Amino acid sequence: MDPEKRAQDVLRCDVCSDKEREKSQAEVYCSTSHTNVCSPCVAKHMASNNSKKHDIVLLHSANTEVDMPNCPTHSAMKCELFCKKCNMPICLKCLTSNYNSHAVEEIIEM
């Protein structure tokens, strides 16, 4: 599917129904079990494993790390930039060689 024509969806609850369309929007994150949870499912999630202390935080404040893609040209480098002209992720080595006159943006800022 063309990345420009793909819609972004919200994070869905990992505890709700198995049917993707029936899952509610996640509002909190359990950093203990790495689970996205909607408000109605919080108690159910916490009861699912009483042996753990669940660390529940608001989803927007969860400390999630962005996994940058590897550069297809420079395999040892991570793509930290996005070339707006070519519509593709690039690494710092790419920027200094082939894309130095192109408009770029940091991926993390996008």
C-alpha atoms as a PDB file:
ATOM      1  CA  MET A   1       0.000   0.000   0.000  1.00  0.00           C
ATOM      2  CA  ASP A   2       1.221   3.494  -0.814  1.00  0.00           C
ATOM      3  CA  PRO A   3       2.502   5.126   2.429  1.00  0.00           C
ATOM      4  CA  GLU A   4       1.033   8.492   1.425  1.00  0.00           C
ATOM      5  CA  LYS A   5      -2.454   7.043   1.052  1.00  0.00           C
ATOM      6  CA  ARG A   6      -2.385   5.042   4.296  1.00  0.00           C
ATOM      7  CA  ALA A   7      -4.374   6.462   7.194  1.00  0.00           C
ATOM      8  CA  GLN A   8      -2.966   6.459  10.688  1.00  0.00           C
ATOM      9  CA  ASP A   9      -5.023   4.771  13.370  1.00  0.00           C
ATOM     10  CA  VAL A  10      -5.021   5.360  17.102  1.00  0.00           C
ATOM     11  CA  LEU A  11      -3.429   2.853  19.449  1.00  0.00           C
ATOM     12  CA  ARG A  12      -5.965   0.193  20.335  1.00  0.00           C
ATOM     13  CA  CYS A  13      -6.476  -1.633  23.631  1.00  0.00           C
ATOM     14  CA  ASP A  14      -4.575  -4.925  23.870  1.00  0.00           C
ATOM     15  CA  VAL A  15      -7.088  -6.319  26.384  1.00  0.00           C
ATOM     16  CA  CYS A  16     -10.371  -5.778  24.500  1.00  0.00           C
ATOM     17  CA  SER A  17     -11.966  -8.251  22.086  1.00  0.00           C
ATOM     18  CA  ASP A  18      -9.788 -10.169  19.619  1.00  0.00           C
ATOM     19  CA  LYS A  19     -11.664  -8.519  16.763  1.00  0.00           C
ATOM     20  CA  GLU A  20      -9.669  -5.415  15.775  1.00  0.00           C
ATOM     21  CA  ARG A  21     -12.791  -3.397  14.886  1.00  0.00           C
ATOM     22  CA  GLU A  22     -14.248  -3.962  18.347  1.00  0.00           C
ATOM     23  CA  LYS A  23     -11.179  -2.771  20.245  1.00  0.00           C
ATOM     24  CA  SER A  24     -11.442   0.552  22.059  1.00  0.00           C
ATOM     25  CA  GLN A  25      -8.902   3.347  21.884  1.00  0.00           C
ATOM     26  CA  ALA A  26      -6.139   2.870  24.451  1.00  0.00           C
ATOM     27  CA  GLU A  27      -5.875   5.620  27.047  1.00  0.00           C
ATOM     28  CA  VAL A  28      -3.225   4.249  29.401  1.00  0.00           C
ATOM     29  CA  TYR A  29      -0.110   2.099  29.133  1.00  0.00           C
ATOM     30  CA  CYS A  30       1.107  -0.591  31.528  1.00  0.00           C
ATOM     31  CA  SER A  31       4.885  -0.297  31.454  1.00  0.00           C
ATOM     32  CA  THR A  32       5.195  -3.511  33.498  1.00  0.00           C
ATOM     33  CA  SER A  33       3.625  -5.720  30.833  1.00  0.00           C
ATOM     34  CA  HIS A  34       4.029  -3.345  27.847  1.00  0.00           C
ATOM     35  CA  THR A  35       0.288  -3.277  27.238  1.00  0.00           C
ATOM     36  CA  ASN A  36      -1.969  -0.544  25.859  1.00  0.00           C
ATOM     37  CA  VAL A  37      -5.241  -0.433  27.817  1.00  0.00           C
ATOM     38  CA  CYS A  38      -8.549   1.446  27.540  1.00  0.00           C
ATOM     39  CA  SER A  39     -10.226   2.759  30.708  1.00  0.00           C
ATOM     40  CA  PRO A  40     -12.892   0.015  30.952  1.00  0.00           C
ATOM     41  CA  CYS A  41     -10.202  -2.711  30.732  1.00  0.00           C
ATOM     42  CA  VAL A  42      -7.786  -1.393  33.404  1.00  0.00           C
ATOM     43  CA  ALA A  43      -9.286  -3.483  36.230  1.00  0.00           C
ATOM     44  CA  LYS A  44      -9.459  -6.571  34.004  1.00  0.00           C
ATOM     45  CA  HIS A  45      -5.805  -6.131  33.015  1.00  0.00           C
ATOM     46  CA  MET A  46      -4.626  -5.673  36.598  1.00  0.00           C
ATOM     47  CA  ALA A  47      -6.604  -8.722  37.726  1.00  0.00           C
ATOM     48  CA  SER A  48      -5.100 -10.846  34.948  1.00  0.00           C
ATOM     49  CA  ASN A  49      -1.832 -11.138  36.883  1.00  0.00           C
ATOM     50  CA  ASN A  50      -2.036 -10.252  40.571  1.00  0.00           C
ATOM     51  CA  SER A  51       1.587 -11.286  41.176  1.00  0.00           C
ATOM     52  CA  LYS A  52       2.896  -8.178  39.384  1.00  0.00           C
ATOM     53  CA  LYS A  53       2.740  -4.539  40.429  1.00  0.00           C
ATOM     54  CA  HIS A  54       1.299  -2.865  37.346  1.00  0.00           C
ATOM     55  CA  ASP A  55       2.774   0.538  36.532  1.00  0.00           C
ATOM     56  CA  ILE A  56      -0.079   2.315  34.730  1.00  0.00           C
ATOM     57  CA  VAL A  57       0.666   5.675  33.075  1.00  0.00           C
ATOM     58  CA  LEU A  58      -1.257   7.927  30.717  1.00  0.00           C
ATOM     59  CA  LEU A  59      -0.515   6.866  27.173  1.00  0.00           C
ATOM     60  CA  HIS A  60       0.852  10.245  26.037  1.00  0.00           C
ATOM     61  CA  SER A  61       3.355  10.255  28.923  1.00  0.00           C
ATOM     62  CA  ALA A  62       4.608   6.709  28.382  1.00  0.00           C
ATOM     63  CA  ASN A  63       8.349   6.619  27.768  1.00  0.00           C
ATOM     64  CA  THR A  64       8.472   4.873  24.415  1.00  0.00           C
ATOM     65  CA  GLU A  65      11.598   4.735  22.328  1.00  0.00           C
ATOM     66  CA  VAL A  66      11.404   5.264  18.582  1.00  0.00           C
ATOM     67  CA  ASP A  67      13.113   2.507  16.602  1.00  0.00           C
ATOM     68  CA  MET A  68      14.733   4.248  13.654  1.00  0.00           C
ATOM     69  CA  PRO A  69      14.943   2.292  10.390  1.00  0.00           C
ATOM     70  CA  ASN A  70      18.328   1.106   9.088  1.00  0.00           C
ATOM     71  CA  CYS A  71      19.701   2.958   6.098  1.00  0.00           C
ATOM     72  CA  PRO A  72      19.455   0.869   2.910  1.00  0.00           C
ATOM     73  CA  THR A  73      22.667   2.466   1.559  1.00  0.00           C
ATOM     74  CA  HIS A  74      24.750   2.580   4.755  1.00  0.00           C
ATOM     75  CA  SER A  75      23.765  -0.557   6.680  1.00  0.00           C
ATOM     76  CA  ALA A  76      25.637   0.425   9.858  1.00  0.00           C
ATOM     77  CA  MET A  77      23.697   3.704  10.115  1.00  0.00           C
ATOM     78  CA  LYS A  78      20.183   4.458  11.357  1.00  0.00           C
ATOM     79  CA  CYS A  79      17.947   6.812   9.391  1.00  0.00           C
ATOM     80  CA  GLU A  80      17.451   9.822  11.629  1.00  0.00           C
ATOM     81  CA  LEU A  81      16.295  12.215   8.928  1.00  0.00           C
ATOM     82  CA  PHE A  82      13.500  12.299   6.364  1.00  0.00           C
ATOM     83  CA  CYS A  83      14.127  13.781   2.911  1.00  0.00           C
ATOM     84  CA  LYS A  84      11.054  15.808   1.979  1.00  0.00           C
ATOM     85  CA  LYS A  85      12.023  16.012  -1.700  1.00  0.00           C
ATOM     86  CA  CYS A  86      12.521  12.244  -2.144  1.00  0.00           C
ATOM     87  CA  ASN A  87       9.899  11.273   0.468  1.00  0.00           C
ATOM     88  CA  MET A  88      12.166   8.746   2.188  1.00  0.00           C
ATOM     89  CA  PRO A  89      14.193   8.266   5.380  1.00  0.00           C
ATOM     90  CA  ILE A  90      17.937   8.943   5.138  1.00  0.00           C
ATOM     91  CA  CYS A  91      20.970   8.734   7.448  1.00  0.00           C
ATOM     92  CA  LEU A  92      23.546  11.431   8.205  1.00  0.00           C
ATOM     93  CA  LYS A  93      26.004   9.959   5.665  1.00  0.00           C
ATOM     94  CA  CYS A  94      23.328  10.205   2.966  1.00  0.00           C
ATOM     95  CA  LEU A  95      22.721  13.833   3.903  1.00  0.00           C
ATOM     96  CA  THR A  96      26.376  14.764   3.462  1.00  0.00           C
ATOM     97  CA  SER A  97      26.694  12.946   0.151  1.00  0.00           C
ATOM     98  CA  ASN A  98      23.617  12.738  -2.083  1.00  0.00           C
ATOM     99  CA  TYR A  99      20.961  14.780  -0.286  1.00  0.00           C
ATOM    100  CA  ASN A 100      22.856  17.861   0.943  1.00  0.00           C
ATOM    101  CA  SER A 101      20.743  20.311  -1.063  1.00  0.00           C
ATOM    102  CA  HIS A 102      17.412  18.642  -0.191  1.00  0.00           C
ATOM    103  CA  ALA A 103      15.012  19.806   2.506  1.00  0.00           C
ATOM    104  CA  VAL A 104      15.096  17.343   5.409  1.00  0.00           C
ATOM    105  CA  GLU A 105      13.395  16.947   8.770  1.00  0.00           C
ATOM    106  CA  GLU A 106      14.299  14.891  11.820  1.00  0.00           C
ATOM    107  CA  ILE A 107      12.175  11.733  11.947  1.00  0.00           C
ATOM    108  CA  ILE A 108      11.630  12.118  15.681  1.00  0.00           C
ATOM    109  CA  GLU A 109      10.048  15.541  15.035  1.00  0.00           C
ATOM    110  CA  MET A 110       7.609  14.103  12.535  1.00  0.00           C
END
